[in-house]
Amino acid sequence: MDRNERRWAALRADRDLLERAARWLRDDAVRSGYAGLSHQHVTFALALILDELARHLPDLDEGVRWQAVQSSRVLLGEQLDSPAVRRTRRR
């Protein structure tokens, strides 16, 4: 797999993650509404933001993309990237 294919595969994986997090937020807002809780509109707004970020992922600043991915992982209870692990390119 060449560098460009790896980049697109990483973008697809990140987009899937953001879309799953947005879907979870929407589902949670609906569940909260049935439970009688208020302010679901805030949750729906956050889901829309994640949808937009996912849609424009290739054009995002790397820091914004990284933060969106990490926040989505926290929301979904998935493992975070460890800052202690340094990623290097293979040659």
N, C-alpha and C. Protein backbone atom coordinates (compact mmCIF):
# COMPACT_ATOMS: atom_id res chain seq x y z
N MET A 1 0.85 -1.17 0.00
CA MET A 1 0.00 0.00 0.00
C MET A 1 0.90 1.23 0.00
N ASP A 2 0.69 2.13 -0.94
CA ASP A 2 1.54 3.32 -1.00
C ASP A 2 1.04 4.40 -0.03
N ARG A 3 1.80 5.45 0.06
CA ARG A 3 1.52 6.53 1.02
C ARG A 3 0.15 7.16 0.83
N ASN A 4 -0.23 7.40 -0.42
CA ASN A 4 -1.51 8.01 -0.71
C ASN A 4 -2.67 7.09 -0.31
N GLU A 5 -2.53 5.79 -0.57
CA GLU A 5 -3.57 4.83 -0.18
C GLU A 5 -3.70 4.76 1.34
N ARG A 6 -2.56 4.82 2.04
CA ARG A 6 -2.60 4.80 3.51
C ARG A 6 -3.30 6.06 4.05
N ARG A 7 -3.02 7.19 3.42
CA ARG A 7 -3.66 8.45 3.85
C ARG A 7 -5.18 8.36 3.70
N TRP A 8 -5.64 7.85 2.54
CA TRP A 8 -7.08 7.74 2.32
C TRP A 8 -7.72 6.70 3.23
N ALA A 9 -7.01 5.64 3.52
CA ALA A 9 -7.53 4.64 4.45
C ALA A 9 -7.67 5.23 5.85
N ALA A 10 -6.69 6.03 6.27
CA ALA A 10 -6.76 6.69 7.58
C ALA A 10 -7.90 7.69 7.61
N LEU A 11 -8.09 8.44 6.53
CA LEU A 11 -9.21 9.39 6.47
C LEU A 11 -10.55 8.68 6.56
N ARG A 12 -10.68 7.55 5.85
CA ARG A 12 -11.94 6.79 5.90
C ARG A 12 -12.20 6.27 7.32
N ALA A 13 -11.15 5.79 7.98
CA ALA A 13 -11.32 5.28 9.34
C ALA A 13 -11.72 6.40 10.29
N ASP A 14 -11.09 7.56 10.16
CA ASP A 14 -11.43 8.69 11.01
C ASP A 14 -12.85 9.19 10.72
N ARG A 15 -13.23 9.24 9.45
CA ARG A 15 -14.58 9.67 9.10
C ARG A 15 -15.61 8.71 9.69
N ASP A 16 -15.34 7.41 9.61
CA ASP A 16 -16.25 6.42 10.19
C ASP A 16 -16.38 6.63 11.70
N LEU A 17 -15.28 6.91 12.36
CA LEU A 17 -15.30 7.14 13.80
C LEU A 17 -16.16 8.35 14.14
N LEU A 18 -15.96 9.46 13.44
CA LEU A 18 -16.74 10.67 13.71
C LEU A 18 -18.23 10.44 13.43
N GLU A 19 -18.53 9.72 12.37
CA GLU A 19 -19.93 9.42 12.05
C GLU A 19 -20.56 8.52 13.10
N ARG A 20 -19.81 7.55 13.63
CA ARG A 20 -20.34 6.70 14.69
C ARG A 20 -20.59 7.51 15.96
N ALA A 21 -19.69 8.43 16.27
CA ALA A 21 -19.86 9.27 17.46
C ALA A 21 -21.09 10.17 17.30
N ALA A 22 -21.29 10.73 16.12
CA ALA A 22 -22.46 11.57 15.87
C ALA A 22 -23.74 10.75 15.99
N ARG A 23 -23.72 9.54 15.45
CA ARG A 23 -24.90 8.65 15.54
C ARG A 23 -25.19 8.31 17.00
N TRP A 24 -24.14 8.05 17.79
CA TRP A 24 -24.32 7.74 19.21
C TRP A 24 -24.93 8.94 19.93
N LEU A 25 -24.46 10.16 19.63
CA LEU A 25 -25.03 11.36 20.26
C LEU A 25 -26.51 11.51 19.94
N ARG A 26 -26.87 11.31 18.67
CA ARG A 26 -28.28 11.44 18.29
C ARG A 26 -29.13 10.39 19.00
N ASP A 27 -28.64 9.15 19.05
CA ASP A 27 -29.38 8.09 19.74
C ASP A 27 -29.52 8.41 21.23
N ASP A 28 -28.46 8.94 21.82
CA ASP A 28 -28.50 9.29 23.24
C ASP A 28 -29.48 10.43 23.50
N ALA A 29 -29.54 11.38 22.60
CA ALA A 29 -30.49 12.49 22.77
C ALA A 29 -31.93 11.98 22.74
N VAL A 30 -32.20 11.04 21.84
CA VAL A 30 -33.55 10.46 21.76
C VAL A 30 -33.86 9.71 23.06
N ARG A 31 -32.90 8.91 23.53
CA ARG A 31 -33.11 8.18 24.79
C ARG A 31 -33.35 9.15 25.94
N SER A 32 -32.60 10.23 25.97
CA SER A 32 -32.75 11.23 27.03
C SER A 32 -34.12 11.89 26.98
N GLY A 33 -34.61 12.13 25.77
CA GLY A 33 -35.94 12.71 25.61
C GLY A 33 -37.02 11.80 26.16
N TYR A 34 -36.90 10.51 25.90
CA TYR A 34 -37.86 9.55 26.44
C TYR A 34 -37.78 9.48 27.96
N ALA A 35 -36.59 9.75 28.50
CA ALA A 35 -36.41 9.72 29.95
C ALA A 35 -36.86 11.02 30.60
N GLY A 36 -37.28 12.00 29.80
CA GLY A 36 -37.77 13.26 30.34
C GLY A 36 -36.70 14.30 30.57
N LEU A 37 -35.50 14.06 30.11
CA LEU A 37 -34.43 15.03 30.28
C LEU A 37 -34.53 16.13 29.23
N SER A 38 -34.01 17.30 29.54
CA SER A 38 -34.10 18.42 28.60
C SER A 38 -32.74 18.68 27.95
N HIS A 39 -32.72 19.62 27.06
CA HIS A 39 -31.51 20.09 26.37
C HIS A 39 -30.97 19.11 25.34
N GLN A 40 -31.85 18.31 24.74
CA GLN A 40 -31.40 17.40 23.69
C GLN A 40 -30.89 18.19 22.48
N HIS A 41 -31.37 19.43 22.32
CA HIS A 41 -30.95 20.23 21.17
C HIS A 41 -29.44 20.48 21.17
N VAL A 42 -28.84 20.54 22.34
CA VAL A 42 -27.38 20.71 22.43
C VAL A 42 -26.68 19.46 21.91
N THR A 43 -27.19 18.31 22.28
CA THR A 43 -26.61 17.05 21.83
C THR A 43 -26.75 16.91 20.32
N PHE A 44 -27.91 17.27 19.79
CA PHE A 44 -28.10 17.21 18.34
C PHE A 44 -27.15 18.18 17.63
N ALA A 45 -26.92 19.35 18.22
CA ALA A 45 -25.99 20.32 17.63
C ALA A 45 -24.57 19.76 17.58
N LEU A 46 -24.15 19.10 18.65
CA LEU A 46 -22.82 18.49 18.66
C LEU A 46 -22.71 17.40 17.60
N ALA A 47 -23.78 16.62 17.44
CA ALA A 47 -23.78 15.58 16.40
C ALA A 47 -23.65 16.20 15.02
N LEU A 48 -24.32 17.32 14.79
CA LEU A 48 -24.21 18.00 13.50
C LEU A 48 -22.79 18.51 13.25
N ILE A 49 -22.14 19.00 14.30
CA ILE A 49 -20.76 19.46 14.16
C ILE A 49 -19.86 18.28 13.76
N LEU A 50 -20.03 17.14 14.42
CA LEU A 50 -19.24 15.97 14.06
C LEU A 50 -19.52 15.53 12.62
N ASP A 51 -20.79 15.60 12.21
CA ASP A 51 -21.13 15.26 10.82
C ASP A 51 -20.39 16.17 9.84
N GLU A 52 -20.36 17.46 10.12
CA GLU A 52 -19.68 18.41 9.24
C GLU A 52 -18.18 18.18 9.22
N LEU A 53 -17.60 17.93 10.39
CA LEU A 53 -16.17 17.65 10.45
C LEU A 53 -15.84 16.40 9.64
N ALA A 54 -16.67 15.37 9.78
CA ALA A 54 -16.45 14.13 9.04
C ALA A 54 -16.54 14.37 7.53
N ARG A 55 -17.48 15.20 7.13
CA ARG A 55 -17.68 15.49 5.72
C ARG A 55 -16.49 16.21 5.09
N HIS A 56 -15.82 17.04 5.89
CA HIS A 56 -14.72 17.87 5.38
C HIS A 56 -13.36 17.44 5.92
N LEU A 57 -13.26 16.20 6.34
CA LEU A 57 -12.04 15.70 6.99
C LEU A 57 -10.75 15.92 6.19
N PRO A 58 -10.73 15.68 4.88
CA PRO A 58 -9.47 15.87 4.16
C PRO A 58 -8.94 17.30 4.20
N ASP A 59 -9.83 18.27 4.40
CA ASP A 59 -9.44 19.67 4.37
C ASP A 59 -9.19 20.26 5.75
N LEU A 60 -9.40 19.48 6.78
CA LEU A 60 -9.24 20.00 8.15
C LEU A 60 -7.78 20.18 8.52
N ASP A 61 -7.55 21.16 9.36
CA ASP A 61 -6.24 21.31 9.99
C ASP A 61 -5.96 20.03 10.77
N GLU A 62 -4.71 19.57 10.75
CA GLU A 62 -4.36 18.31 11.41
C GLU A 62 -4.68 18.33 12.91
N GLY A 63 -4.49 19.47 13.57
CA GLY A 63 -4.80 19.57 15.00
C GLY A 63 -6.29 19.42 15.27
N VAL A 64 -7.10 20.04 14.42
CA VAL A 64 -8.56 19.93 14.57
C VAL A 64 -9.00 18.49 14.33
N ARG A 65 -8.43 17.89 13.29
CA ARG A 65 -8.77 16.49 12.99
C ARG A 65 -8.39 15.59 14.16
N TRP A 66 -7.18 15.76 14.68
CA TRP A 66 -6.72 14.94 15.79
C TRP A 66 -7.65 15.09 17.00
N GLN A 67 -8.02 16.33 17.32
CA GLN A 67 -8.88 16.56 18.48
C GLN A 67 -10.27 15.96 18.28
N ALA A 68 -10.80 16.09 17.08
CA ALA A 68 -12.12 15.50 16.79
C ALA A 68 -12.09 13.98 16.92
N VAL A 69 -11.02 13.38 16.43
CA VAL A 69 -10.88 11.91 16.51
C VAL A 69 -10.74 11.49 17.98
N GLN A 70 -9.90 12.19 18.73
CA GLN A 70 -9.70 11.83 20.14
C GLN A 70 -11.00 12.01 20.93
N SER A 71 -11.70 13.10 20.70
CA SER A 71 -12.97 13.34 21.40
C SER A 71 -14.00 12.28 21.07
N SER A 72 -14.03 11.87 19.82
CA SER A 72 -14.97 10.82 19.41
C SER A 72 -14.62 9.50 20.08
N ARG A 73 -13.33 9.21 20.19
CA ARG A 73 -12.92 7.98 20.87
C ARG A 73 -13.33 8.00 22.34
N VAL A 74 -13.16 9.14 23.00
CA VAL A 74 -13.57 9.26 24.40
C VAL A 74 -15.08 9.03 24.51
N LEU A 75 -15.83 9.67 23.64
CA LEU A 75 -17.29 9.55 23.65
C LEU A 75 -17.73 8.11 23.48
N LEU A 76 -17.06 7.37 22.60
CA LEU A 76 -17.44 5.99 22.33
C LEU A 76 -16.76 4.98 23.24
N GLY A 77 -15.88 5.46 24.13
CA GLY A 77 -15.21 4.57 25.06
C GLY A 77 -14.12 3.74 24.40
N GLU A 78 -13.55 4.25 23.32
CA GLU A 78 -12.48 3.53 22.62
C GLU A 78 -11.13 4.03 23.10
N GLN A 79 -10.11 3.24 22.84
CA GLN A 79 -8.76 3.55 23.30
C GLN A 79 -8.23 4.80 22.62
N LEU A 80 -7.59 5.67 23.43
CA LEU A 80 -6.99 6.89 22.90
C LEU A 80 -5.59 6.62 22.40
N ASP A 81 -5.13 7.47 21.50
CA ASP A 81 -3.72 7.43 21.10
C ASP A 81 -2.89 7.83 22.30
N SER A 82 -1.84 7.10 22.55
CA SER A 82 -0.96 7.42 23.67
C SER A 82 0.05 8.47 23.24
N PRO A 83 0.15 9.60 23.97
CA PRO A 83 1.15 10.60 23.61
C PRO A 83 2.57 10.10 23.83
N ALA A 84 2.72 9.03 24.60
CA ALA A 84 4.05 8.48 24.87
C ALA A 84 4.57 7.64 23.70
N VAL A 85 3.66 7.23 22.82
CA VAL A 85 4.05 6.41 21.68
C VAL A 85 4.34 7.33 20.51
N ARG A 86 5.55 7.29 20.04
CA ARG A 86 5.93 8.13 18.92
C ARG A 86 5.71 7.37 17.62
N ARG A 87 5.03 8.02 16.71
CA ARG A 87 4.77 7.40 15.42
C ARG A 87 5.82 7.90 14.43
N THR A 88 6.42 6.96 13.73
CA THR A 88 7.41 7.31 12.72
C THR A 88 7.02 6.64 11.42
N ARG A 89 7.45 7.25 10.34
CA ARG A 89 7.16 6.67 9.03
C ARG A 89 8.11 5.52 8.76
N ARG A 90 7.57 4.50 8.13
CA ARG A 90 8.41 3.38 7.69
C ARG A 90 9.02 3.74 6.35
N ARG A 91 10.20 3.28 6.13
CA ARG A 91 10.84 3.54 4.82
C ARG A 91 11.01 2.28 4.07
